[in-house]
Amino acid sequence: MRKMTVLLAVLLAVLALQAGATVITNIPPSARITMPVMNYFGPGPIVYGNYTWSSTNVSNQGGSVFGYTGGYGYLGNGFWDGALGPMAGLNDSFDAWGVQDTMTFAFTNSVLEVGGFFNYVPNGSMPTTIAVYDTSFNLIESYNLTFVVGTGVNLGQWLGFQETTPIGYFTMTGNYIGVASTPEPSSLLLLGSGALGLAGVIRRKLRF
């Protein structure tokens, strides 16, 4: 009986490791979501490269943003001042608007890995979630964002998924979640520390 219990515990531990093993923080350039400069507000859809971007946020604060290069605030997680390049932002949250919206990147040709540089408004009553689905929109894996980086400029975290099942859709849900694909992780610290002195004079274009 004891052997069976130990075996079961080991098996559960292995399964738990496997379940979380595909969430990655080292995102290769080929897997990063890239965007053109568009400064678009609305729900989309917008076709670019190998994907179609869309959002369920049609009108709150003008709708979601895509290819946006202005300032974007994350309250307790600081703000992006545009130096990261084009980004996509959900631009609403359940706590602010009473709805839990989602941005979706639907791939024309499925991929096995995808990710980007993320930030979000922390401490929401609803989770902030990134997820990947197969080509039939069956959930492969999801991950709730919990990181807190403070009130600096251009901070966040590289996150993504690496799967054996082809990824057809990449979704981002809740709490003003935003994603960009630049800069390189090695230069991110330089950008963040160099811009700290500007925090008092930069105005966020999106307020919530």
C-alpha atoms as a PDB file:
ATOM      1  CA  MET A   1       0.000   0.000   0.000  1.00  0.00           C
ATOM      2  CA  ARG A   2       2.822   2.371   0.923  1.00  0.00           C
ATOM      3  CA  LYS A   3       4.592   1.623  -2.383  1.00  0.00           C
ATOM      4  CA  MET A   4       1.416   2.442  -4.280  1.00  0.00           C
ATOM      5  CA  THR A   5       1.063   5.728  -2.383  1.00  0.00           C
ATOM      6  CA  VAL A   6       4.675   6.705  -3.098  1.00  0.00           C
ATOM      7  CA  LEU A   7       4.286   5.751  -6.762  1.00  0.00           C
ATOM      8  CA  LEU A   8       1.118   7.834  -7.046  1.00  0.00           C
ATOM      9  CA  ALA A   9       2.834  10.831  -5.436  1.00  0.00           C
ATOM     10  CA  VAL A  10       5.768  10.564  -7.849  1.00  0.00           C
ATOM     11  CA  LEU A  11       3.393  10.259 -10.811  1.00  0.00           C
ATOM     12  CA  LEU A  12       1.428  13.347  -9.758  1.00  0.00           C
ATOM     13  CA  ALA A  13       4.665  15.302  -9.324  1.00  0.00           C
ATOM     14  CA  VAL A  14       5.821  14.336 -12.816  1.00  0.00           C
ATOM     15  CA  LEU A  15       2.468  15.329 -14.306  1.00  0.00           C
ATOM     16  CA  ALA A  16       2.598  18.681 -12.502  1.00  0.00           C
ATOM     17  CA  LEU A  17       6.075  19.358 -13.897  1.00  0.00           C
ATOM     18  CA  GLN A  18       4.952  18.435 -17.400  1.00  0.00           C
ATOM     19  CA  ALA A  19       1.890  20.677 -17.157  1.00  0.00           C
ATOM     20  CA  GLY A  20       3.974  23.739 -16.393  1.00  0.00           C
ATOM     21  CA  ALA A  21       6.999  22.880 -18.504  1.00  0.00           C
ATOM     22  CA  THR A  22       5.737  24.483 -21.693  1.00  0.00           C
ATOM     23  CA  VAL A  23       5.355  28.012 -20.252  1.00  0.00           C
ATOM     24  CA  ILE A  24       8.614  29.666 -21.289  1.00  0.00           C
ATOM     25  CA  THR A  25      10.308  32.957 -20.416  1.00  0.00           C
ATOM     26  CA  ASN A  26      13.099  32.811 -22.992  1.00  0.00           C
ATOM     27  CA  ILE A  27      11.208  33.683 -26.167  1.00  0.00           C
ATOM     28  CA  PRO A  28      13.178  33.183 -29.414  1.00  0.00           C
ATOM     29  CA  PRO A  29      12.746  35.990 -31.971  1.00  0.00           C
ATOM     30  CA  SER A  30      10.948  33.647 -34.375  1.00  0.00           C
ATOM     31  CA  ALA A  31       8.217  32.996 -31.773  1.00  0.00           C
ATOM     32  CA  ARG A  32       7.540  36.610 -30.796  1.00  0.00           C
ATOM     33  CA  ILE A  33       4.328  38.334 -31.837  1.00  0.00           C
ATOM     34  CA  THR A  34       5.381  41.224 -34.100  1.00  0.00           C
ATOM     35  CA  MET A  35       3.175  44.132 -35.177  1.00  0.00           C
ATOM     36  CA  PRO A  36       3.277  47.028 -37.628  1.00  0.00           C
ATOM     37  CA  VAL A  37       2.868  50.640 -36.503  1.00  0.00           C
ATOM     38  CA  MET A  38      -0.860  51.326 -36.892  1.00  0.00           C
ATOM     39  CA  ASN A  39      -2.114  53.066 -33.733  1.00  0.00           C
ATOM     40  CA  TYR A  40      -5.433  51.326 -34.313  1.00  0.00           C
ATOM     41  CA  PHE A  41      -8.320  51.476 -31.797  1.00  0.00           C
ATOM     42  CA  GLY A  42     -11.177  48.986 -32.043  1.00  0.00           C
ATOM     43  CA  PRO A  43     -12.005  45.278 -32.195  1.00  0.00           C
ATOM     44  CA  GLY A  44     -10.341  44.432 -35.515  1.00  0.00           C
ATOM     45  CA  PRO A  45      -9.994  42.090 -37.253  1.00  0.00           C
ATOM     46  CA  ILE A  46      -6.561  43.019 -38.562  1.00  0.00           C
ATOM     47  CA  VAL A  47      -4.566  40.635 -40.741  1.00  0.00           C
ATOM     48  CA  TYR A  48      -0.791  40.822 -40.494  1.00  0.00           C
ATOM     49  CA  GLY A  49       1.881  38.288 -41.377  1.00  0.00           C
ATOM     50  CA  ASN A  50       0.817  34.826 -40.222  1.00  0.00           C
ATOM     51  CA  TYR A  51      -2.093  35.904 -38.010  1.00  0.00           C
ATOM     52  CA  THR A  52      -5.365  37.764 -37.663  1.00  0.00           C
ATOM     53  CA  TRP A  53      -5.723  39.915 -34.547  1.00  0.00           C
ATOM     54  CA  SER A  54      -9.116  40.666 -33.022  1.00  0.00           C
ATOM     55  CA  SER A  55     -10.642  41.694 -29.707  1.00  0.00           C
ATOM     56  CA  THR A  56     -13.972  41.439 -27.901  1.00  0.00           C
ATOM     57  CA  ASN A  57     -13.462  45.000 -26.597  1.00  0.00           C
ATOM     58  CA  VAL A  58     -15.352  46.944 -29.233  1.00  0.00           C
ATOM     59  CA  SER A  59     -15.704  50.369 -27.613  1.00  0.00           C
ATOM     60  CA  ASN A  60     -14.468  50.687 -24.021  1.00  0.00           C
ATOM     61  CA  GLN A  61     -11.908  53.513 -24.107  1.00  0.00           C
ATOM     62  CA  GLY A  62     -12.144  53.412 -27.878  1.00  0.00           C
ATOM     63  CA  GLY A  63     -11.685  49.648 -28.037  1.00  0.00           C
ATOM     64  CA  SER A  64      -8.503  47.606 -27.848  1.00  0.00           C
ATOM     65  CA  VAL A  65      -5.312  48.906 -29.448  1.00  0.00           C
ATOM     66  CA  PHE A  66      -3.125  47.256 -32.078  1.00  0.00           C
ATOM     67  CA  GLY A  67       0.221  48.444 -33.431  1.00  0.00           C
ATOM     68  CA  TYR A  68       0.059  51.177 -30.795  1.00  0.00           C
ATOM     69  CA  THR A  69       3.155  53.281 -30.078  1.00  0.00           C
ATOM     70  CA  GLY A  70       1.891  55.774 -27.493  1.00  0.00           C
ATOM     71  CA  GLY A  71       1.964  55.649 -23.695  1.00  0.00           C
ATOM     72  CA  TYR A  72       0.079  52.827 -21.991  1.00  0.00           C
ATOM     73  CA  GLY A  73      -0.395  52.607 -18.213  1.00  0.00           C
ATOM     74  CA  TYR A  74      -0.506  49.574 -15.923  1.00  0.00           C
ATOM     75  CA  LEU A  75      -1.058  51.283 -12.540  1.00  0.00           C
ATOM     76  CA  GLY A  76       0.970  49.256  -9.980  1.00  0.00           C
ATOM     77  CA  ASN A  77       3.057  47.768 -12.794  1.00  0.00           C
ATOM     78  CA  GLY A  78       4.221  51.100 -14.197  1.00  0.00           C
ATOM     79  CA  PHE A  79       3.751  52.107 -17.824  1.00  0.00           C
ATOM     80  CA  TRP A  80       5.120  51.746 -21.335  1.00  0.00           C
ATOM     81  CA  ASP A  81       6.181  55.004 -22.981  1.00  0.00           C
ATOM     82  CA  GLY A  82       6.240  53.786 -26.606  1.00  0.00           C
ATOM     83  CA  ALA A  83       9.935  52.901 -26.729  1.00  0.00           C
ATOM     84  CA  LEU A  84       9.097  49.186 -26.844  1.00  0.00           C
ATOM     85  CA  GLY A  85       7.645  49.657 -30.317  1.00  0.00           C
ATOM     86  CA  PRO A  86       4.218  48.569 -31.561  1.00  0.00           C
ATOM     87  CA  MET A  87       2.100  46.773 -28.983  1.00  0.00           C
ATOM     88  CA  ALA A  88      -1.399  45.380 -28.587  1.00  0.00           C
ATOM     89  CA  GLY A  89      -3.416  46.267 -25.488  1.00  0.00           C
ATOM     90  CA  LEU A  90      -6.810  45.021 -24.328  1.00  0.00           C
ATOM     91  CA  ASN A  91      -7.603  48.490 -22.982  1.00  0.00           C
ATOM     92  CA  ASP A  92     -10.176  47.483 -20.372  1.00  0.00           C
ATOM     93  CA  SER A  93     -10.778  45.252 -17.358  1.00  0.00           C
ATOM     94  CA  PHE A  94     -13.642  43.683 -15.438  1.00  0.00           C
ATOM     95  CA  ASP A  95     -13.071  45.991 -12.472  1.00  0.00           C
ATOM     96  CA  ALA A  96     -13.311  49.108 -14.642  1.00  0.00           C
ATOM     97  CA  TRP A  97     -16.034  48.101 -17.123  1.00  0.00           C
ATOM     98  CA  GLY A  98     -17.770  44.994 -15.763  1.00  0.00           C
ATOM     99  CA  VAL A  99     -16.694  42.762 -18.654  1.00  0.00           C
ATOM    100  CA  GLN A 100     -13.870  40.269 -19.109  1.00  0.00           C
ATOM    101  CA  ASP A 101     -12.588  40.865 -22.641  1.00  0.00           C
ATOM    102  CA  THR A 102     -10.056  38.940 -24.719  1.00  0.00           C
ATOM    103  CA  MET A 103      -7.623  39.659 -27.553  1.00  0.00           C
ATOM    104  CA  THR A 104      -6.944  36.804 -29.967  1.00  0.00           C
ATOM    105  CA  PHE A 105      -4.125  36.133 -32.417  1.00  0.00           C
ATOM    106  CA  ALA A 106      -5.452  33.500 -34.849  1.00  0.00           C
ATOM    107  CA  PHE A 107      -2.674  31.932 -36.904  1.00  0.00           C
ATOM    108  CA  THR A 108      -3.088  31.289 -40.624  1.00  0.00           C
ATOM    109  CA  ASN A 109      -0.503  28.525 -40.361  1.00  0.00           C
ATOM    110  CA  SER A 110      -0.252  26.861 -36.955  1.00  0.00           C
ATOM    111  CA  VAL A 111       2.897  27.299 -34.851  1.00  0.00           C
ATOM    112  CA  LEU A 112       4.561  25.317 -32.064  1.00  0.00           C
ATOM    113  CA  GLU A 113       5.797  28.257 -29.985  1.00  0.00           C
ATOM    114  CA  VAL A 114       4.592  31.787 -29.433  1.00  0.00           C
ATOM    115  CA  GLY A 115       5.097  34.610 -26.942  1.00  0.00           C
ATOM    116  CA  GLY A 116       5.970  38.207 -26.293  1.00  0.00           C
ATOM    117  CA  PHE A 117       6.790  40.847 -23.714  1.00  0.00           C
ATOM    118  CA  PHE A 118       3.828  41.305 -21.348  1.00  0.00           C
ATOM    119  CA  ASN A 119       2.487  43.642 -18.731  1.00  0.00           C
ATOM    120  CA  TYR A 120      -0.903  44.087 -17.057  1.00  0.00           C
ATOM    121  CA  VAL A 121      -2.712  45.836 -14.193  1.00  0.00           C
ATOM    122  CA  PRO A 122      -2.148  43.654 -11.108  1.00  0.00           C
ATOM    123  CA  ASN A 123      -4.511  42.806  -8.245  1.00  0.00           C
ATOM    124  CA  GLY A 124      -7.684  42.575 -10.303  1.00  0.00           C
ATOM    125  CA  SER A 125     -10.727  40.691  -9.034  1.00  0.00           C
ATOM    126  CA  MET A 126     -10.581  38.529 -12.172  1.00  0.00           C
ATOM    127  CA  PRO A 127      -7.447  36.765 -13.450  1.00  0.00           C
ATOM    128  CA  THR A 128      -5.191  37.998 -16.240  1.00  0.00           C
ATOM    129  CA  THR A 129      -4.690  35.011 -18.500  1.00  0.00           C
ATOM    130  CA  ILE A 130      -2.683  34.044 -21.566  1.00  0.00           C
ATOM    131  CA  ALA A 131      -3.622  30.804 -23.321  1.00  0.00           C
ATOM    132  CA  VAL A 132      -3.013  28.750 -26.431  1.00  0.00           C
ATOM    133  CA  TYR A 133      -5.550  26.656 -28.337  1.00  0.00           C
ATOM    134  CA  ASP A 134      -5.265  24.107 -31.118  1.00  0.00           C
ATOM    135  CA  THR A 135      -6.592  24.708 -34.621  1.00  0.00           C
ATOM    136  CA  SER A 136     -10.092  23.574 -33.534  1.00  0.00           C
ATOM    137  CA  PHE A 137     -10.008  26.027 -30.605  1.00  0.00           C
ATOM    138  CA  ASN A 138      -9.538  23.346 -27.968  1.00  0.00           C
ATOM    139  CA  LEU A 139      -7.518  24.628 -25.001  1.00  0.00           C
ATOM    140  CA  ILE A 140      -3.922  23.382 -24.946  1.00  0.00           C
ATOM    141  CA  GLU A 141      -2.676  25.381 -21.985  1.00  0.00           C
ATOM    142  CA  SER A 142      -3.310  28.580 -20.034  1.00  0.00           C
ATOM    143  CA  TYR A 143      -1.315  30.655 -17.576  1.00  0.00           C
ATOM    144  CA  ASN A 144      -2.393  33.384 -15.139  1.00  0.00           C
ATOM    145  CA  LEU A 145      -0.110  36.410 -14.881  1.00  0.00           C
ATOM    146  CA  THR A 146       0.878  37.224 -11.290  1.00  0.00           C
ATOM    147  CA  PHE A 147       4.173  39.103 -11.626  1.00  0.00           C
ATOM    148  CA  VAL A 148       4.620  42.590 -10.180  1.00  0.00           C
ATOM    149  CA  VAL A 149       7.460  44.708 -11.549  1.00  0.00           C
ATOM    150  CA  GLY A 150       6.759  48.016  -9.783  1.00  0.00           C
ATOM    151  CA  THR A 151       6.099  51.501 -11.081  1.00  0.00           C
ATOM    152  CA  GLY A 152       8.989  51.877 -13.523  1.00  0.00           C
ATOM    153  CA  VAL A 153       8.977  52.490 -17.263  1.00  0.00           C
ATOM    154  CA  ASN A 154       8.920  49.782 -19.948  1.00  0.00           C
ATOM    155  CA  LEU A 155       9.000  46.896 -17.493  1.00  0.00           C
ATOM    156  CA  GLY A 156       7.249  43.558 -17.826  1.00  0.00           C
ATOM    157  CA  GLN A 157       7.989  39.901 -18.408  1.00  0.00           C
ATOM    158  CA  TRP A 158       8.755  37.705 -21.405  1.00  0.00           C
ATOM    159  CA  LEU A 159       6.223  34.870 -21.494  1.00  0.00           C
ATOM    160  CA  GLY A 160       5.089  32.316 -24.013  1.00  0.00           C
ATOM    161  CA  PHE A 161       4.289  28.710 -24.781  1.00  0.00           C
ATOM    162  CA  GLN A 162       6.208  25.898 -26.427  1.00  0.00           C
ATOM    163  CA  GLU A 163       3.983  22.992 -27.419  1.00  0.00           C
ATOM    164  CA  THR A 164       3.996  19.705 -29.296  1.00  0.00           C
ATOM    165  CA  THR A 165       0.370  20.251 -30.358  1.00  0.00           C
ATOM    166  CA  PRO A 166       0.090  22.828 -33.187  1.00  0.00           C
ATOM    167  CA  ILE A 167      -1.096  26.205 -31.874  1.00  0.00           C
ATOM    168  CA  GLY A 168      -3.922  27.798 -33.815  1.00  0.00           C
ATOM    169  CA  TYR A 169      -4.833  30.619 -31.418  1.00  0.00           C
ATOM    170  CA  PHE A 170      -3.073  32.730 -28.784  1.00  0.00           C
ATOM    171  CA  THR A 171      -5.369  34.654 -26.406  1.00  0.00           C
ATOM    172  CA  MET A 172      -4.885  37.370 -23.765  1.00  0.00           C
ATOM    173  CA  THR A 173      -7.628  38.112 -21.275  1.00  0.00           C
ATOM    174  CA  GLY A 174      -8.276  40.739 -18.607  1.00  0.00           C
ATOM    175  CA  ASN A 175      -6.797  43.694 -16.746  1.00  0.00           C
ATOM    176  CA  TYR A 176      -5.427  45.908 -19.523  1.00  0.00           C
ATOM    177  CA  ILE A 177      -3.031  43.172 -20.618  1.00  0.00           C
ATOM    178  CA  GLY A 178      -0.527  44.379 -23.196  1.00  0.00           C
ATOM    179  CA  VAL A 179       2.012  42.596 -25.385  1.00  0.00           C
ATOM    180  CA  ALA A 180       5.018  43.796 -27.378  1.00  0.00           C
ATOM    181  CA  SER A 181       7.872  41.953 -29.071  1.00  0.00           C
ATOM    182  CA  THR A 182      10.813  44.311 -28.458  1.00  0.00           C
ATOM    183  CA  PRO A 183      13.361  45.142 -27.158  1.00  0.00           C
ATOM    184  CA  GLU A 184      15.755  42.258 -26.692  1.00  0.00           C
ATOM    185  CA  PRO A 185      15.774  41.038 -23.061  1.00  0.00           C
ATOM    186  CA  SER A 186      19.427  42.109 -22.616  1.00  0.00           C
ATOM    187  CA  SER A 187      18.617  45.730 -23.462  1.00  0.00           C
ATOM    188  CA  LEU A 188      15.417  45.862 -21.443  1.00  0.00           C
ATOM    189  CA  LEU A 189      17.140  46.666 -18.144  1.00  0.00           C
ATOM    190  CA  LEU A 190      19.004  49.552 -19.762  1.00  0.00           C
ATOM    191  CA  LEU A 191      15.775  50.966 -21.134  1.00  0.00           C
ATOM    192  CA  GLY A 192      13.984  50.604 -17.837  1.00  0.00           C
ATOM    193  CA  SER A 193      16.680  52.237 -15.705  1.00  0.00           C
ATOM    194  CA  GLY A 194      17.420  54.969 -18.234  1.00  0.00           C
ATOM    195  CA  ALA A 195      13.787  56.013 -18.429  1.00  0.00           C
ATOM    196  CA  LEU A 196      13.088  56.115 -14.694  1.00  0.00           C
ATOM    197  CA  GLY A 197      13.991  59.786 -14.490  1.00  0.00           C
ATOM    198  CA  LEU A 198      11.342  60.590 -17.090  1.00  0.00           C
ATOM    199  CA  ALA A 199       8.524  59.001 -15.105  1.00  0.00           C
ATOM    200  CA  GLY A 200       7.347  62.297 -13.674  1.00  0.00           C
ATOM    201  CA  VAL A 201       7.018  64.075 -17.010  1.00  0.00           C
ATOM    202  CA  ILE A 202       5.639  61.417 -19.341  1.00  0.00           C
ATOM    203  CA  ARG A 203       1.875  61.486 -19.628  1.00  0.00           C
ATOM    204  CA  ARG A 204      -0.039  58.338 -20.369  1.00  0.00           C
ATOM    205  CA  LYS A 205      -2.315  58.696 -23.362  1.00  0.00           C
ATOM    206  CA  LEU A 206      -4.608  55.940 -22.127  1.00  0.00           C
ATOM    207  CA  ARG A 207      -6.189  56.528 -18.735  1.00  0.00           C
ATOM    208  CA  PHE A 208      -8.345  54.221 -16.639  1.00  0.00           C
END
